[in-house]
């Protein structure tokens, strides 16, 4: 009897890629605010991001969605958290949250004139203390885990076939 090393029919699975981008409170409190997107098709705010296309490098999918939705272009290499969602209304998914880092005032200012695509009602900077109120529970838990990893310098470098993705 021979053993098969690989699935002959791998399962269909979504691959989501989101970015945790922060900015310091312009009011000088020292707190950080999270960049969130208000999508017309879902309840609650979420991190910028979306699904990868077939054969699209994961960090480039996150970067593409970030730029399209917000106008920001950030180097993405570190994965802060991975969230598995079993099949329910949508196919099962792995959602990766990348460290976008702390954006400068100039970068944050570029978001204002950016025209997000149809389907996005607005972009918001929300303080950590208000995230639970403005996000769906699963999104909030994902962001809290990513935030914790960011605060503690944790995270995993993204590798493509064993080679670290270059920063930039």
N, C-alpha and C. Protein backbone atom coordinates (compact mmCIF):
# COMPACT_ATOMS: atom_id res chain seq x y z
N UNK A 1 0.85 -1.17 0.00
CA UNK A 1 0.00 0.00 0.00
C UNK A 1 0.90 1.23 0.00
N UNK A 2 0.66 2.13 -0.94
CA UNK A 2 1.47 3.34 -1.00
C UNK A 2 0.78 4.48 -0.25
N UNK A 3 1.59 5.31 0.31
CA UNK A 3 1.08 6.48 1.02
C UNK A 3 1.23 7.70 0.14
N UNK A 4 0.20 8.53 0.14
CA UNK A 4 0.25 9.78 -0.61
C UNK A 4 0.77 10.86 0.31
N UNK A 5 1.79 11.57 -0.13
CA UNK A 5 2.37 12.62 0.69
C UNK A 5 1.60 13.92 0.60
N UNK A 6 0.88 14.14 -0.48
CA UNK A 6 0.17 15.39 -0.67
C UNK A 6 -1.29 15.12 -0.95
N UNK A 7 -2.15 16.05 -0.60
CA UNK A 7 -3.56 15.93 -0.96
C UNK A 7 -3.68 16.02 -2.46
N UNK A 8 -4.44 15.10 -3.05
CA UNK A 8 -4.66 15.21 -4.49
C UNK A 8 -5.64 16.33 -4.80
N UNK A 9 -6.48 16.69 -3.83
CA UNK A 9 -7.42 17.80 -3.99
C UNK A 9 -7.31 18.68 -2.75
N UNK A 10 -6.39 19.66 -2.77
CA UNK A 10 -6.29 20.53 -1.59
C UNK A 10 -7.58 21.31 -1.41
N UNK A 11 -7.92 21.62 -0.17
CA UNK A 11 -9.16 22.34 0.08
C UNK A 11 -9.09 23.77 -0.44
N UNK A 12 -10.26 24.30 -0.83
CA UNK A 12 -10.34 25.71 -1.20
C UNK A 12 -10.26 26.53 0.07
N UNK A 13 -9.41 27.49 0.09
CA UNK A 13 -9.21 28.28 1.31
C UNK A 13 -8.90 29.71 0.91
N UNK A 14 -9.55 30.64 1.60
CA UNK A 14 -9.25 32.04 1.38
C UNK A 14 -7.98 32.41 2.14
N UNK A 15 -7.28 33.36 1.60
CA UNK A 15 -6.07 33.87 2.23
C UNK A 15 -6.25 35.38 2.35
N UNK A 16 -6.49 35.85 3.59
CA UNK A 16 -6.70 37.26 3.82
C UNK A 16 -5.45 37.92 4.37
N UNK A 17 -5.24 39.18 4.00
CA UNK A 17 -4.03 39.89 4.39
C UNK A 17 -4.41 41.30 4.82
N UNK A 18 -4.16 41.60 6.10
CA UNK A 18 -4.52 42.88 6.68
C UNK A 18 -3.28 43.55 7.25
N UNK A 19 -3.39 44.86 7.47
CA UNK A 19 -2.24 45.63 7.95
C UNK A 19 -2.62 46.40 9.21
N UNK A 20 -1.79 46.25 10.25
CA UNK A 20 -1.93 47.05 11.46
C UNK A 20 -1.02 48.26 11.29
N UNK A 21 -1.64 49.40 10.93
CA UNK A 21 -0.91 50.66 10.78
C UNK A 21 -1.33 51.57 11.93
N UNK A 22 -0.35 52.14 12.60
CA UNK A 22 -0.60 52.98 13.77
C UNK A 22 -0.09 54.39 13.54
N UNK A 23 -0.64 55.30 14.31
CA UNK A 23 -0.10 56.67 14.34
C UNK A 23 -0.22 57.17 15.76
N UNK A 24 0.72 58.04 16.12
CA UNK A 24 0.65 58.65 17.45
C UNK A 24 -0.48 59.66 17.47
N UNK A 25 -1.11 59.79 18.63
CA UNK A 25 -2.20 60.74 18.82
C UNK A 25 -1.69 62.13 18.48
N UNK A 26 -2.31 62.79 17.48
CA UNK A 26 -1.87 64.15 17.15
C UNK A 26 -2.13 65.13 18.29
N UNK A 27 -2.97 64.75 19.25
CA UNK A 27 -3.24 65.60 20.41
C UNK A 27 -2.14 65.53 21.45
N UNK A 28 -1.16 64.65 21.25
CA UNK A 28 -0.01 64.59 22.15
C UNK A 28 -0.18 63.73 23.39
N UNK A 29 -1.21 62.89 23.43
CA UNK A 29 -1.42 62.06 24.62
C UNK A 29 -0.40 60.93 24.74
N UNK A 30 0.28 60.61 23.64
CA UNK A 30 1.21 59.49 23.65
C UNK A 30 0.54 58.17 23.28
N UNK A 31 -0.78 58.18 23.16
CA UNK A 31 -1.51 56.98 22.75
C UNK A 31 -1.34 56.75 21.26
N UNK A 32 -1.61 55.52 20.84
CA UNK A 32 -1.57 55.18 19.43
C UNK A 32 -2.99 54.97 18.91
N UNK A 33 -3.19 55.34 17.65
CA UNK A 33 -4.45 55.14 16.97
C UNK A 33 -4.25 54.12 15.86
N UNK A 34 -5.27 53.32 15.58
CA UNK A 34 -5.22 52.27 14.56
C UNK A 34 -6.00 52.75 13.34
N UNK A 35 -5.44 52.53 12.17
CA UNK A 35 -6.14 52.85 10.93
C UNK A 35 -7.16 51.76 10.63
N UNK A 36 -8.42 52.17 10.48
CA UNK A 36 -9.51 51.23 10.23
C UNK A 36 -10.32 51.65 9.01
N UNK A 37 -10.93 50.66 8.38
CA UNK A 37 -11.74 50.85 7.18
C UNK A 37 -13.19 50.53 7.51
N UNK A 38 -14.09 51.35 7.01
CA UNK A 38 -15.53 51.13 7.15
C UNK A 38 -16.05 50.64 5.80
N UNK A 39 -16.14 49.31 5.66
CA UNK A 39 -16.64 48.71 4.42
C UNK A 39 -18.16 48.73 4.43
N UNK A 40 -18.76 49.08 3.29
CA UNK A 40 -20.21 49.14 3.18
C UNK A 40 -20.86 47.77 3.34
N UNK A 41 -20.16 46.70 3.02
CA UNK A 41 -20.74 45.35 3.02
C UNK A 41 -20.62 44.60 4.34
N UNK A 42 -20.08 45.23 5.38
CA UNK A 42 -19.96 44.51 6.64
C UNK A 42 -20.18 45.44 7.82
N UNK A 43 -20.54 44.82 8.93
CA UNK A 43 -20.75 45.58 10.16
C UNK A 43 -19.43 45.75 10.89
N UNK A 44 -19.22 46.92 11.44
CA UNK A 44 -18.02 47.20 12.20
C UNK A 44 -16.85 47.56 11.32
N UNK A 45 -15.90 48.24 11.93
CA UNK A 45 -14.69 48.65 11.22
C UNK A 45 -13.69 47.50 11.22
N UNK A 46 -12.77 47.52 10.27
CA UNK A 46 -11.76 46.48 10.17
C UNK A 46 -10.44 47.09 9.72
N UNK A 47 -9.38 46.31 9.86
CA UNK A 47 -8.09 46.74 9.35
C UNK A 47 -8.13 46.79 7.83
N UNK A 48 -7.32 47.64 7.21
CA UNK A 48 -7.24 47.62 5.75
C UNK A 48 -6.70 46.27 5.29
N UNK A 49 -7.21 45.79 4.20
CA UNK A 49 -6.72 44.53 3.67
C UNK A 49 -7.77 43.83 2.85
N UNK A 50 -7.44 42.61 2.44
CA UNK A 50 -8.35 41.80 1.64
C UNK A 50 -7.67 40.52 1.21
N UNK A 51 -8.30 39.82 0.30
CA UNK A 51 -7.82 38.52 -0.16
C UNK A 51 -6.70 38.66 -1.18
N UNK A 52 -5.86 37.65 -1.21
CA UNK A 52 -4.80 37.58 -2.21
C UNK A 52 -5.35 36.93 -3.48
N UNK A 53 -4.83 37.37 -4.60
CA UNK A 53 -5.15 36.73 -5.88
C UNK A 53 -4.32 35.45 -5.98
N UNK A 54 -4.70 34.57 -6.87
CA UNK A 54 -3.93 33.34 -7.06
C UNK A 54 -2.51 33.70 -7.48
N UNK A 55 -1.52 33.08 -6.85
CA UNK A 55 -0.09 33.28 -7.09
C UNK A 55 0.41 34.69 -6.75
N UNK A 56 -0.37 35.48 -6.03
CA UNK A 56 0.10 36.79 -5.58
C UNK A 56 0.86 36.59 -4.28
N UNK A 57 2.03 37.17 -4.17
CA UNK A 57 2.79 37.06 -2.94
C UNK A 57 1.99 37.68 -1.79
N UNK A 58 1.95 37.03 -0.63
CA UNK A 58 1.07 37.47 0.45
C UNK A 58 1.31 38.90 0.91
N UNK A 59 2.55 39.30 1.10
CA UNK A 59 2.82 40.66 1.56
C UNK A 59 2.46 41.69 0.51
N UNK A 60 2.55 41.30 -0.76
CA UNK A 60 2.17 42.22 -1.83
C UNK A 60 0.65 42.36 -1.93
N UNK A 61 -0.08 41.31 -1.56
CA UNK A 61 -1.54 41.41 -1.50
C UNK A 61 -1.93 42.41 -0.42
N UNK A 62 -1.30 42.29 0.74
CA UNK A 62 -1.59 43.23 1.84
C UNK A 62 -1.24 44.65 1.42
N UNK A 63 -0.10 44.82 0.80
CA UNK A 63 0.34 46.15 0.37
C UNK A 63 -0.58 46.74 -0.70
N UNK A 64 -1.03 45.89 -1.63
CA UNK A 64 -1.96 46.34 -2.69
C UNK A 64 -3.26 46.84 -2.08
N UNK A 65 -3.83 46.06 -1.17
CA UNK A 65 -5.08 46.46 -0.54
C UNK A 65 -4.89 47.72 0.29
N UNK A 66 -3.80 47.80 1.03
CA UNK A 66 -3.52 48.98 1.85
C UNK A 66 -3.45 50.22 0.97
N UNK A 67 -2.71 50.14 -0.12
CA UNK A 67 -2.56 51.31 -1.00
C UNK A 67 -3.89 51.67 -1.67
N UNK A 68 -4.61 50.69 -2.17
CA UNK A 68 -5.88 50.94 -2.84
C UNK A 68 -6.89 51.56 -1.89
N UNK A 69 -6.96 51.03 -0.68
CA UNK A 69 -7.99 51.46 0.27
C UNK A 69 -7.63 52.77 0.97
N UNK A 70 -6.34 53.02 1.21
CA UNK A 70 -5.96 54.16 2.05
C UNK A 70 -4.99 55.14 1.39
N UNK A 71 -4.29 54.72 0.36
CA UNK A 71 -3.27 55.56 -0.25
C UNK A 71 -1.89 55.36 0.36
N UNK A 72 -1.80 54.62 1.46
CA UNK A 72 -0.51 54.37 2.10
C UNK A 72 0.25 53.25 1.41
N UNK A 73 1.56 53.41 1.32
CA UNK A 73 2.45 52.34 0.85
C UNK A 73 3.47 52.13 1.95
N UNK A 74 3.41 50.96 2.56
CA UNK A 74 4.31 50.65 3.68
C UNK A 74 5.05 49.36 3.40
N UNK A 75 6.30 49.26 3.87
CA UNK A 75 7.02 47.99 3.74
C UNK A 75 6.42 46.97 4.71
N UNK A 76 6.05 45.81 4.21
CA UNK A 76 5.43 44.78 5.04
C UNK A 76 6.26 43.51 4.97
N UNK A 77 6.73 43.09 6.10
CA UNK A 77 7.53 41.86 6.15
C UNK A 77 7.17 41.00 7.34
N UNK A 78 6.76 41.62 8.44
CA UNK A 78 6.52 40.88 9.68
C UNK A 78 5.05 40.58 9.86
N UNK A 79 4.76 39.32 10.12
CA UNK A 79 3.40 38.88 10.42
C UNK A 79 3.24 38.90 11.93
N UNK A 80 2.24 39.64 12.39
CA UNK A 80 2.00 39.75 13.82
C UNK A 80 1.10 38.65 14.34
N UNK A 81 0.13 38.23 13.56
CA UNK A 81 -0.77 37.17 13.99
C UNK A 81 -1.39 36.50 12.78
N UNK A 82 -1.83 35.26 12.98
CA UNK A 82 -2.54 34.51 11.96
C UNK A 82 -3.84 34.03 12.60
N UNK A 83 -4.95 34.27 11.93
CA UNK A 83 -6.26 33.92 12.45
C UNK A 83 -6.93 32.94 11.50
N UNK A 84 -7.32 31.78 12.03
CA UNK A 84 -8.01 30.76 11.24
C UNK A 84 -9.51 30.92 11.43
N UNK A 85 -10.24 30.94 10.32
CA UNK A 85 -11.71 30.99 10.37
C UNK A 85 -12.25 29.77 9.65
N UNK A 86 -13.00 28.92 10.37
CA UNK A 86 -13.57 27.73 9.72
C UNK A 86 -14.66 28.13 8.74
N UNK A 87 -14.98 27.22 7.84
CA UNK A 87 -16.03 27.49 6.86
C UNK A 87 -17.35 27.71 7.57
N UNK A 88 -18.04 28.75 7.18
CA UNK A 88 -19.39 29.06 7.67
C UNK A 88 -20.12 29.67 6.48
N UNK A 89 -20.34 30.99 6.50
CA UNK A 89 -20.94 31.64 5.33
C UNK A 89 -19.93 31.73 4.19
N UNK A 90 -18.65 31.77 4.53
CA UNK A 90 -17.58 31.86 3.54
C UNK A 90 -16.69 30.62 3.65
N UNK A 91 -15.88 30.33 2.61
CA UNK A 91 -14.93 29.22 2.74
C UNK A 91 -13.95 29.48 3.89
N UNK A 92 -13.35 28.40 4.41
CA UNK A 92 -12.40 28.58 5.50
C UNK A 92 -11.30 29.55 5.07
N UNK A 93 -10.68 30.17 6.07
CA UNK A 93 -9.70 31.21 5.74
C UNK A 93 -8.57 31.25 6.74
N UNK A 94 -7.44 31.69 6.27
CA UNK A 94 -6.31 32.09 7.10
C UNK A 94 -6.14 33.58 6.85
N UNK A 95 -6.21 34.36 7.92
CA UNK A 95 -6.04 35.80 7.83
C UNK A 95 -4.74 36.19 8.52
N UNK A 96 -3.88 36.85 7.79
CA UNK A 96 -2.58 37.28 8.28
C UNK A 96 -2.63 38.78 8.56
N UNK A 97 -2.10 39.19 9.70
CA UNK A 97 -2.01 40.62 10.02
C UNK A 97 -0.54 41.00 10.03
N UNK A 98 -0.19 41.95 9.18
CA UNK A 98 1.19 42.41 9.02
C UNK A 98 1.42 43.68 9.83
N UNK A 99 2.65 43.85 10.27
CA UNK A 99 3.05 45.06 10.99
C UNK A 99 3.30 46.16 9.97
N UNK A 100 2.43 47.18 10.01
CA UNK A 100 2.63 48.34 9.15
C UNK A 100 3.48 49.39 9.84
N UNK A 101 3.62 49.26 11.16
CA UNK A 101 4.42 50.20 11.92
C UNK A 101 3.69 51.48 12.23
N UNK A 102 4.44 52.45 12.70
CA UNK A 102 3.90 53.76 13.06
C UNK A 102 4.13 54.69 11.89
N UNK A 103 3.05 55.21 11.34
CA UNK A 103 3.17 56.11 10.19
C UNK A 103 3.50 57.51 10.67
N UNK A 104 4.15 58.26 9.81
CA UNK A 104 4.51 59.64 10.12
C UNK A 104 3.28 60.54 9.94
N UNK A 105 3.35 61.76 10.42
CA UNK A 105 2.26 62.72 10.22
C UNK A 105 2.04 62.97 8.73
N UNK A 106 3.13 63.02 7.99
CA UNK A 106 3.02 63.24 6.54
C UNK A 106 2.29 62.08 5.87
N UNK A 107 2.65 60.84 6.24
CA UNK A 107 1.97 59.68 5.68
C UNK A 107 0.48 59.69 6.05
N UNK A 108 0.20 59.99 7.32
CA UNK A 108 -1.20 60.02 7.77
C UNK A 108 -1.97 61.11 7.02
N UNK A 109 -1.33 62.22 6.73
CA UNK A 109 -1.96 63.30 5.99
C UNK A 109 -2.31 62.92 4.56
N UNK A 110 -1.56 61.97 3.99
CA UNK A 110 -1.82 61.52 2.62
C UNK A 110 -3.13 60.74 2.53
N UNK A 111 -3.60 60.24 3.65
CA UNK A 111 -4.84 59.47 3.65
C UNK A 111 -6.03 60.37 3.38
N UNK A 112 -6.02 61.59 3.93
CA UNK A 112 -7.16 62.50 3.78
C UNK A 112 -7.56 62.74 2.32
N UNK A 113 -6.60 63.11 1.43
CA UNK A 113 -7.01 63.38 0.05
C UNK A 113 -7.24 62.12 -0.78
N UNK A 114 -6.85 60.96 -0.27
CA UNK A 114 -7.00 59.72 -1.03
C UNK A 114 -8.49 59.40 -1.22
N UNK A 115 -8.85 59.01 -2.42
CA UNK A 115 -10.23 58.62 -2.72
C UNK A 115 -10.32 57.09 -2.66
N UNK A 116 -10.88 56.53 -1.57
CA UNK A 116 -10.97 55.08 -1.48
C UNK A 116 -11.93 54.53 -2.54
N UNK A 117 -11.76 53.27 -2.89
CA UNK A 117 -12.63 52.68 -3.91
C UNK A 117 -14.08 52.56 -3.44
N UNK A 118 -14.96 52.36 -4.40
CA UNK A 118 -16.37 52.15 -4.08
C UNK A 118 -16.48 50.96 -3.12
N UNK A 119 -17.38 51.04 -2.20
CA UNK A 119 -17.55 49.98 -1.21
C UNK A 119 -16.93 50.32 0.13
N UNK A 120 -16.14 51.40 0.17
CA UNK A 120 -15.58 51.88 1.43
C UNK A 120 -16.27 53.18 1.77
N UNK A 121 -16.94 53.19 2.92
CA UNK A 121 -17.65 54.39 3.35
C UNK A 121 -16.70 55.45 3.88
N UNK A 122 -15.70 55.01 4.66
CA UNK A 122 -14.79 55.98 5.28
C UNK A 122 -13.58 55.26 5.85
N UNK A 123 -12.55 56.05 6.14
CA UNK A 123 -11.36 55.58 6.86
C UNK A 123 -11.36 56.30 8.21
N UNK A 124 -10.91 55.59 9.24
CA UNK A 124 -10.92 56.15 10.59
C UNK A 124 -9.61 55.82 11.31
N UNK A 125 -9.17 56.75 12.15
CA UNK A 125 -8.10 56.48 13.11
C UNK A 125 -8.79 56.31 14.46
N UNK A 126 -8.70 55.13 15.05
CA UNK A 126 -9.39 54.87 16.32
C UNK A 126 -8.37 54.55 17.41
N UNK A 127 -8.56 55.13 18.60
CA UNK A 127 -7.68 54.80 19.71
C UNK A 127 -7.96 53.38 20.21
N UNK A 128 -6.93 52.76 20.76
CA UNK A 128 -7.06 51.39 21.24
C UNK A 128 -8.26 51.23 22.19
N UNK A 129 -8.50 52.22 23.04
CA UNK A 129 -9.58 52.13 24.02
C UNK A 129 -10.96 52.04 23.38
N UNK A 130 -11.11 52.46 22.13
CA UNK A 130 -12.42 52.44 21.48
C UNK A 130 -12.59 51.29 20.49
N UNK A 131 -11.57 50.48 20.29
CA UNK A 131 -11.64 49.43 19.28
C UNK A 131 -12.79 48.46 19.52
N UNK A 132 -12.99 48.03 20.75
CA UNK A 132 -14.04 47.06 21.05
C UNK A 132 -15.41 47.59 20.62
N UNK A 133 -15.63 48.88 20.75
CA UNK A 133 -16.93 49.47 20.42
C UNK A 133 -17.16 49.60 18.92
N UNK A 134 -16.11 49.72 18.13
CA UNK A 134 -16.29 50.00 16.71
C UNK A 134 -16.01 48.82 15.79
N UNK A 135 -15.55 47.70 16.36
CA UNK A 135 -15.20 46.53 15.55
C UNK A 135 -16.06 45.34 15.90
N UNK A 136 -16.26 44.44 14.94
CA UNK A 136 -16.90 43.15 15.21
C UNK A 136 -15.97 42.37 16.15
N UNK A 137 -16.54 41.48 16.94
CA UNK A 137 -15.77 40.76 17.95
C UNK A 137 -14.56 40.03 17.39
N UNK A 138 -14.73 39.30 16.27
CA UNK A 138 -13.60 38.55 15.72
C UNK A 138 -12.51 39.48 15.22
N UNK A 139 -12.90 40.60 14.61
CA UNK A 139 -11.91 41.57 14.14
C UNK A 139 -11.18 42.22 15.33
N UNK A 140 -11.94 42.53 16.37
CA UNK A 140 -11.35 43.14 17.56
C UNK A 140 -10.31 42.20 18.19
N UNK A 141 -10.67 40.94 18.35
CA UNK A 141 -9.73 39.97 18.95
C UNK A 141 -8.47 39.83 18.10
N UNK A 142 -8.63 39.84 16.78
CA UNK A 142 -7.48 39.75 15.87
C UNK A 142 -6.57 40.95 16.07
N UNK A 143 -7.14 42.14 16.15
CA UNK A 143 -6.35 43.36 16.31
C UNK A 143 -5.68 43.38 17.69
N UNK A 144 -6.38 42.96 18.72
CA UNK A 144 -5.78 42.94 20.05
C UNK A 144 -4.57 42.00 20.09
N UNK A 145 -4.68 40.85 19.44
CA UNK A 145 -3.56 39.92 19.41
C UNK A 145 -2.39 40.51 18.62
N UNK A 146 -2.69 41.13 17.49
CA UNK A 146 -1.63 41.76 16.68
C UNK A 146 -0.99 42.90 17.44
N UNK A 147 -1.79 43.70 18.13
CA UNK A 147 -1.28 44.83 18.92
C UNK A 147 -0.34 44.32 20.00
N UNK A 148 -0.74 43.26 20.69
CA UNK A 148 0.08 42.68 21.74
C UNK A 148 1.43 42.21 21.18
N UNK A 149 1.39 41.56 20.02
CA UNK A 149 2.64 41.11 19.39
C UNK A 149 3.51 42.31 19.03
N UNK A 150 2.89 43.37 18.48
CA UNK A 150 3.64 44.57 18.09
C UNK A 150 4.28 45.21 19.32
N UNK A 151 3.51 45.36 20.41
CA UNK A 151 4.04 46.00 21.62
C UNK A 151 5.22 45.24 22.22
N UNK A 152 5.20 43.91 22.08
CA UNK A 152 6.25 43.08 22.68
C UNK A 152 7.35 42.71 21.70
N UNK A 153 7.33 43.32 20.52
CA UNK A 153 8.38 43.05 19.54
C UNK A 153 8.32 41.64 18.98
N UNK A 154 7.15 41.02 19.08
CA UNK A 154 7.00 39.66 18.57
C UNK A 154 6.56 39.73 17.12
N UNK A 155 6.49 38.63 16.49
CA UNK A 155 6.07 38.55 15.10
C UNK A 155 6.97 37.59 14.36
N UNK A 156 6.52 37.19 13.20
CA UNK A 156 7.27 36.25 12.38
C UNK A 156 7.64 36.90 11.07
N UNK A 157 8.89 36.74 10.64
CA UNK A 157 9.23 37.26 9.32
C UNK A 157 8.54 36.40 8.26
N UNK A 158 8.07 37.02 7.20
CA UNK A 158 7.48 36.28 6.09
C UNK A 158 8.60 35.72 5.24
N UNK A 159 8.49 34.45 4.93
CA UNK A 159 9.45 33.78 4.05
C UNK A 159 8.74 33.36 2.77
N UNK A 160 9.43 33.46 1.66
CA UNK A 160 8.93 32.94 0.39
C UNK A 160 9.91 31.85 -0.05
N UNK A 161 9.44 30.63 -0.01
CA UNK A 161 10.26 29.45 -0.29
C UNK A 161 11.54 29.46 0.55
N UNK A 162 11.39 29.80 1.82
CA UNK A 162 12.49 29.74 2.76
C UNK A 162 13.37 30.98 2.80
N UNK A 163 13.10 31.96 1.95
CA UNK A 163 13.94 33.16 1.89
C UNK A 163 13.15 34.34 2.50
N UNK A 164 13.74 35.05 3.46
CA UNK A 164 13.03 36.19 4.05
C UNK A 164 12.70 37.25 2.99
N UNK A 165 11.49 37.77 3.07
CA UNK A 165 11.07 38.84 2.17
C UNK A 165 11.90 40.08 2.52
N UNK A 166 12.47 40.73 1.52
CA UNK A 166 13.25 41.93 1.83
C UNK A 166 12.33 43.06 2.29
N UNK A 167 12.84 43.88 3.17
CA UNK A 167 12.08 45.04 3.64
C UNK A 167 12.19 46.11 2.57
N UNK A 168 11.05 46.71 2.25
CA UNK A 168 11.08 47.79 1.25
C UNK A 168 10.06 47.61 0.19
